[in-house]
Amino acid sequence: MSENAGQAPRRRAGAARGGPFGEKQQLSERVAAYVREGIMVGEFPPGEFVRTEHLAAQLGVSQTPVREALMILHSEGSVRWEPRRGYRVVALTARDVRDLFHVQAYIAGELAARAATHLDGAEIARLEAVQSELVEAEGAGDTELVDRLNHEIHRTVNKASGSMRMASLLNLTVNYVPLRFFGTIEGWPSASVHDHGAVLSAFAARDADAARAAMVAHIEHIGELLVAHLAKHGIVS
């Protein structure tokens, strides 16, 4: 799946007051990302209230960044403020998920098309080497390594596009993708194995149209896998 050309939005290594957050990104934004991804996979069920004090204790942070995070999510429509009651999780639909991935696929496809004409032979060879490692990791069941190598491939592609503003727009859509749960979404690791081949072949041929089509197909594929996963677990209908 695609990510922005700079730092990965999903990385939550490090600790803040014993919690799972580092300090490079503003704390409220990291809390918002945590809840946003949790909503996407049903950790925060639709209709339930997100309790500020409980979430703060869970993450090892004060209640201030949690309140700020919930205001961010309210502005996005992920939660709804109800006076004197708090923030209630808004239901997620299969259409919501598909819309997200359609937008992401369009942008990622354009970035791949541009990268196809910018990547040099050495960069393509390095991508192929990383993909070989990814295939081995998937075969060994190491989903964490698959996730990391997948990120490296997409980061390289997006950076090679030479379109940082468009990559920033892609990052806005990736913020909604539950990358923290990469290894638990059925089919995601194997999709990175099978779908990348067509993208890399297009790069080797310097075929921008083929690169675009292959990347669009890849992103829409993982979107459908997520919809199937969420439907299976009763999170969307």
Protein backbone atom coordinates (compact mmCIF):
# COMPACT_ATOMS: atom_id res chain seq x y z
CA MET A 1 0.00 0.00 0.00
CA SER A 2 1.14 3.53 -0.59
CA GLU A 3 2.66 5.95 1.87
CA ASN A 4 4.03 9.43 1.68
CA ALA A 5 7.48 10.25 0.41
CA GLY A 6 8.73 11.30 3.82
CA GLN A 7 8.20 9.82 7.25
CA ALA A 8 5.81 6.92 7.62
CA PRO A 9 2.65 7.95 9.43
CA ARG A 10 2.25 4.54 11.00
CA ARG A 11 5.46 4.34 13.02
CA ARG A 12 4.70 4.51 16.72
CA ALA A 13 8.02 3.37 18.14
CA GLY A 14 9.41 5.00 21.26
CA ALA A 15 7.68 5.95 24.45
CA ALA A 16 6.09 8.99 26.00
CA ARG A 17 5.46 8.66 29.73
CA GLY A 18 5.42 4.90 29.33
CA GLY A 19 3.00 4.99 26.39
CA PRO A 20 3.47 3.87 22.77
CA PHE A 21 4.26 7.29 21.36
CA GLY A 22 7.45 9.06 20.48
CA GLU A 23 7.82 12.85 20.32
CA LYS A 24 8.52 13.64 16.65
CA GLN A 25 4.86 14.14 15.81
CA GLN A 26 2.58 16.29 17.93
CA LEU A 27 1.08 14.11 20.61
CA SER A 28 -2.53 15.00 19.87
CA GLU A 29 -2.03 13.99 16.23
CA ARG A 30 -0.56 10.66 17.27
CA VAL A 31 -3.48 10.00 19.60
CA ALA A 32 -5.86 10.90 16.76
CA ALA A 33 -4.06 8.47 14.46
CA TYR A 34 -4.31 5.74 17.09
CA VAL A 35 -8.06 6.22 17.52
CA ARG A 36 -8.64 6.68 13.77
CA GLU A 37 -7.02 3.33 13.01
CA GLY A 38 -8.85 1.71 15.93
CA ILE A 39 -12.17 2.89 14.53
CA MET A 40 -11.27 1.41 11.15
CA VAL A 41 -10.81 -2.08 12.64
CA GLY A 42 -13.55 -2.02 15.27
CA GLU A 43 -11.46 -1.38 18.37
CA PHE A 44 -13.76 1.58 18.96
CA PRO A 45 -17.19 0.25 17.95
CA PRO A 46 -19.74 2.54 16.26
CA GLY A 47 -22.13 4.22 18.64
CA GLU A 48 -19.89 3.88 21.67
CA PHE A 49 -18.37 6.82 23.48
CA VAL A 50 -14.62 7.34 23.57
CA ARG A 51 -13.89 8.09 27.23
CA THR A 52 -11.16 10.68 27.53
CA GLU A 53 -9.88 9.50 30.89
CA HIS A 54 -9.82 5.85 29.88
CA LEU A 55 -7.96 6.52 26.63
CA ALA A 56 -5.46 8.79 28.40
CA ALA A 57 -4.73 6.08 30.96
CA GLN A 58 -4.44 3.42 28.25
CA LEU A 59 -1.92 5.44 26.26
CA GLY A 60 -0.03 6.87 29.20
CA VAL A 61 -0.69 10.50 28.31
CA SER A 62 -2.56 13.38 29.89
CA GLN A 63 -6.17 14.08 29.01
CA THR A 64 -5.32 17.29 27.14
CA PRO A 65 -3.88 15.67 23.97
CA VAL A 66 -6.72 13.15 24.04
CA ARG A 67 -9.31 15.93 24.05
CA GLU A 68 -7.41 17.68 21.24
CA ALA A 69 -7.30 14.42 19.27
CA LEU A 70 -11.02 13.90 19.65
CA MET A 71 -11.66 17.43 18.36
CA ILE A 72 -9.53 16.57 15.29
CA LEU A 73 -11.55 13.40 14.74
CA HIS A 74 -14.81 15.32 15.20
CA SER A 75 -13.78 17.73 12.43
CA GLU A 76 -13.13 14.70 10.17
CA GLY A 77 -16.46 13.07 10.95
CA SER A 78 -14.97 10.00 12.66
CA VAL A 79 -16.59 10.87 15.99
CA ARG A 80 -19.52 13.13 16.89
CA TRP A 81 -19.66 15.46 19.89
CA GLU A 82 -22.79 15.13 22.00
CA PRO A 83 -23.20 17.82 24.68
CA ARG A 84 -22.83 16.58 28.26
CA ARG A 85 -22.14 13.07 26.97
CA GLY A 86 -18.88 13.20 25.05
CA TYR A 87 -17.59 11.92 21.71
CA ARG A 88 -19.49 9.06 20.09
CA VAL A 89 -17.93 6.92 17.32
CA VAL A 90 -19.61 7.38 13.94
CA ALA A 91 -20.46 4.18 12.05
CA LEU A 92 -18.15 3.20 9.19
CA THR A 93 -19.58 1.80 5.95
CA ALA A 94 -18.09 -0.33 3.20
CA ARG A 95 -18.65 2.60 0.87
CA ASP A 96 -16.57 4.83 3.16
CA VAL A 97 -13.67 2.37 2.95
CA ARG A 98 -13.94 1.96 -0.82
CA ASP A 99 -14.08 5.73 -1.30
CA LEU A 100 -10.91 6.09 0.73
CA PHE A 101 -9.04 3.53 -1.35
CA HIS A 102 -10.35 4.86 -4.68
CA VAL A 103 -8.88 8.25 -3.85
CA GLN A 104 -5.67 6.70 -2.59
CA ALA A 105 -5.40 4.51 -5.70
CA TYR A 106 -5.76 7.49 -8.03
CA ILE A 107 -3.00 9.47 -6.32
CA ALA A 108 -0.69 6.49 -5.85
CA GLY A 109 -1.18 5.56 -9.50
CA GLU A 110 -0.14 9.02 -10.66
CA LEU A 111 2.93 8.94 -8.44
CA ALA A 112 3.91 5.53 -9.81
CA ALA A 113 3.48 6.75 -13.40
CA ARG A 114 5.80 9.66 -12.75
CA ALA A 115 8.31 7.48 -10.91
CA ALA A 116 8.46 5.15 -13.94
CA THR A 117 10.20 7.86 -15.95
CA HIS A 118 12.45 9.05 -13.10
CA LEU A 119 13.80 5.86 -11.50
CA ASP A 120 17.25 4.91 -12.78
CA GLY A 121 18.55 1.39 -13.27
CA ALA A 122 20.23 1.24 -9.87
CA GLU A 123 17.06 2.34 -8.07
CA ILE A 124 14.96 -0.21 -9.91
CA ALA A 125 17.48 -2.93 -9.05
CA ARG A 126 17.32 -1.91 -5.39
CA LEU A 127 13.51 -2.03 -5.45
CA GLU A 128 13.67 -5.52 -6.93
CA ALA A 129 16.10 -6.58 -4.20
CA VAL A 130 13.80 -5.22 -1.51
CA GLN A 131 10.89 -7.03 -3.12
CA SER A 132 12.87 -10.29 -3.03
CA GLU A 133 13.40 -9.79 0.70
CA LEU A 134 9.68 -9.09 1.07
CA VAL A 135 8.79 -12.33 -0.69
CA GLU A 136 11.10 -14.27 1.63
CA ALA A 137 9.66 -12.54 4.70
CA GLU A 138 6.10 -13.35 3.65
CA GLY A 139 7.05 -16.97 3.11
CA ALA A 140 8.53 -17.06 6.61
CA GLY A 141 5.39 -15.51 8.09
CA ASP A 142 7.25 -12.40 9.25
CA THR A 143 4.48 -9.87 8.70
CA GLU A 144 6.31 -7.14 10.59
CA LEU A 145 9.22 -7.34 8.16
CA VAL A 146 6.82 -7.51 5.20
CA ASP A 147 5.20 -4.33 6.46
CA ARG A 148 8.56 -2.58 6.80
CA LEU A 149 9.78 -3.63 3.35
CA ASN A 150 6.43 -2.75 1.79
CA HIS A 151 6.74 0.71 3.29
CA GLU A 152 10.25 1.09 1.90
CA ILE A 153 9.12 0.22 -1.62
CA HIS A 154 6.23 2.67 -1.61
CA ARG A 155 8.30 5.40 0.04
CA THR A 156 10.94 5.02 -2.66
CA VAL A 157 8.36 5.15 -5.45
CA ASN A 158 6.64 8.22 -4.05
CA LYS A 159 9.92 10.03 -3.53
CA ALA A 160 11.09 9.17 -7.07
CA SER A 161 7.95 10.74 -8.51
CA GLY A 162 9.35 14.19 -7.84
CA SER A 163 5.85 15.29 -6.80
CA MET A 164 6.07 16.07 -3.12
CA ARG A 165 2.80 18.00 -2.95
CA MET A 166 0.91 15.12 -4.48
CA ALA A 167 2.70 12.73 -2.12
CA SER A 168 1.50 14.91 0.75
CA LEU A 169 -2.06 14.52 -0.48
CA LEU A 170 -1.54 10.76 -0.54
CA ASN A 171 -0.40 10.94 3.06
CA LEU A 172 -3.75 12.46 4.04
CA THR A 173 -5.53 9.33 2.77
CA VAL A 174 -2.99 6.95 4.29
CA ASN A 175 -3.73 8.47 7.71
CA TYR A 176 -7.07 6.63 7.56
CA VAL A 177 -5.59 3.24 6.65
CA PRO A 178 -5.10 0.92 9.68
CA LEU A 179 -1.43 0.19 9.00
CA ARG A 180 -0.91 -0.59 12.68
CA PHE A 181 -2.87 -3.79 11.98
CA PHE A 182 -1.03 -4.75 8.77
CA GLY A 183 -0.37 -8.34 9.87
CA THR A 184 -3.94 -8.96 10.99
CA ILE A 185 -5.75 -7.98 7.77
CA GLU A 186 -6.26 -11.17 5.78
CA GLY A 187 -4.43 -11.03 2.48
CA TRP A 188 -2.45 -7.83 2.96
CA PRO A 189 1.02 -9.44 3.29
CA SER A 190 0.45 -11.70 0.28
CA ALA A 191 -0.93 -8.78 -1.75
CA SER A 192 2.39 -7.03 -1.29
CA VAL A 193 4.08 -10.13 -2.68
CA HIS A 194 1.85 -10.66 -5.71
CA ASP A 195 0.80 -7.14 -6.71
CA HIS A 196 4.22 -5.50 -6.66
CA GLY A 197 5.51 -7.65 -9.50
CA ALA A 198 3.45 -5.83 -12.13
CA VAL A 199 4.51 -2.45 -10.76
CA LEU A 200 8.20 -3.35 -10.85
CA SER A 201 7.88 -4.80 -14.34
CA ALA A 202 6.37 -1.53 -15.53
CA PHE A 203 9.26 0.38 -13.97
CA ALA A 204 11.80 -1.87 -15.72
CA ALA A 205 10.03 -1.18 -19.03
CA ARG A 206 9.80 2.57 -18.29
CA ASP A 207 6.07 2.25 -19.00
CA ALA A 208 4.26 5.00 -17.13
CA ASP A 209 0.75 3.85 -18.16
CA ALA A 210 1.42 0.29 -17.04
CA ALA A 211 2.90 1.52 -13.74
CA ARG A 212 -0.19 3.62 -13.10
CA ALA A 213 -2.56 0.75 -13.89
CA ALA A 214 -0.61 -1.73 -11.76
CA MET A 215 -0.47 0.58 -8.76
CA VAL A 216 -4.17 1.45 -9.01
CA ALA A 217 -5.02 -2.26 -9.16
CA HIS A 218 -2.80 -2.92 -6.12
CA ILE A 219 -4.34 -0.22 -3.95
CA GLU A 220 -7.90 -1.12 -4.90
CA HIS A 221 -7.10 -4.78 -4.21
CA ILE A 222 -5.96 -4.08 -0.66
CA GLY A 223 -8.99 -1.87 -0.19
CA GLU A 224 -11.28 -4.76 -1.08
CA LEU A 225 -9.34 -7.03 1.26
CA LEU A 226 -9.93 -4.56 4.07
CA VAL A 227 -13.65 -4.34 3.25
CA ALA A 228 -13.86 -8.15 3.33
CA HIS A 229 -12.03 -8.25 6.66
CA LEU A 230 -14.28 -5.61 8.21
CA ALA A 231 -17.43 -7.30 6.89
CA LYS A 232 -16.28 -10.67 8.22
CA HIS A 233 -15.90 -9.18 11.69
CA GLY A 234 -19.18 -7.28 11.53
CA ILE A 235 -17.57 -3.85 11.48
CA VAL A 236 -19.13 -2.76 8.17
CA SER A 237 -22.07 -4.05 6.16
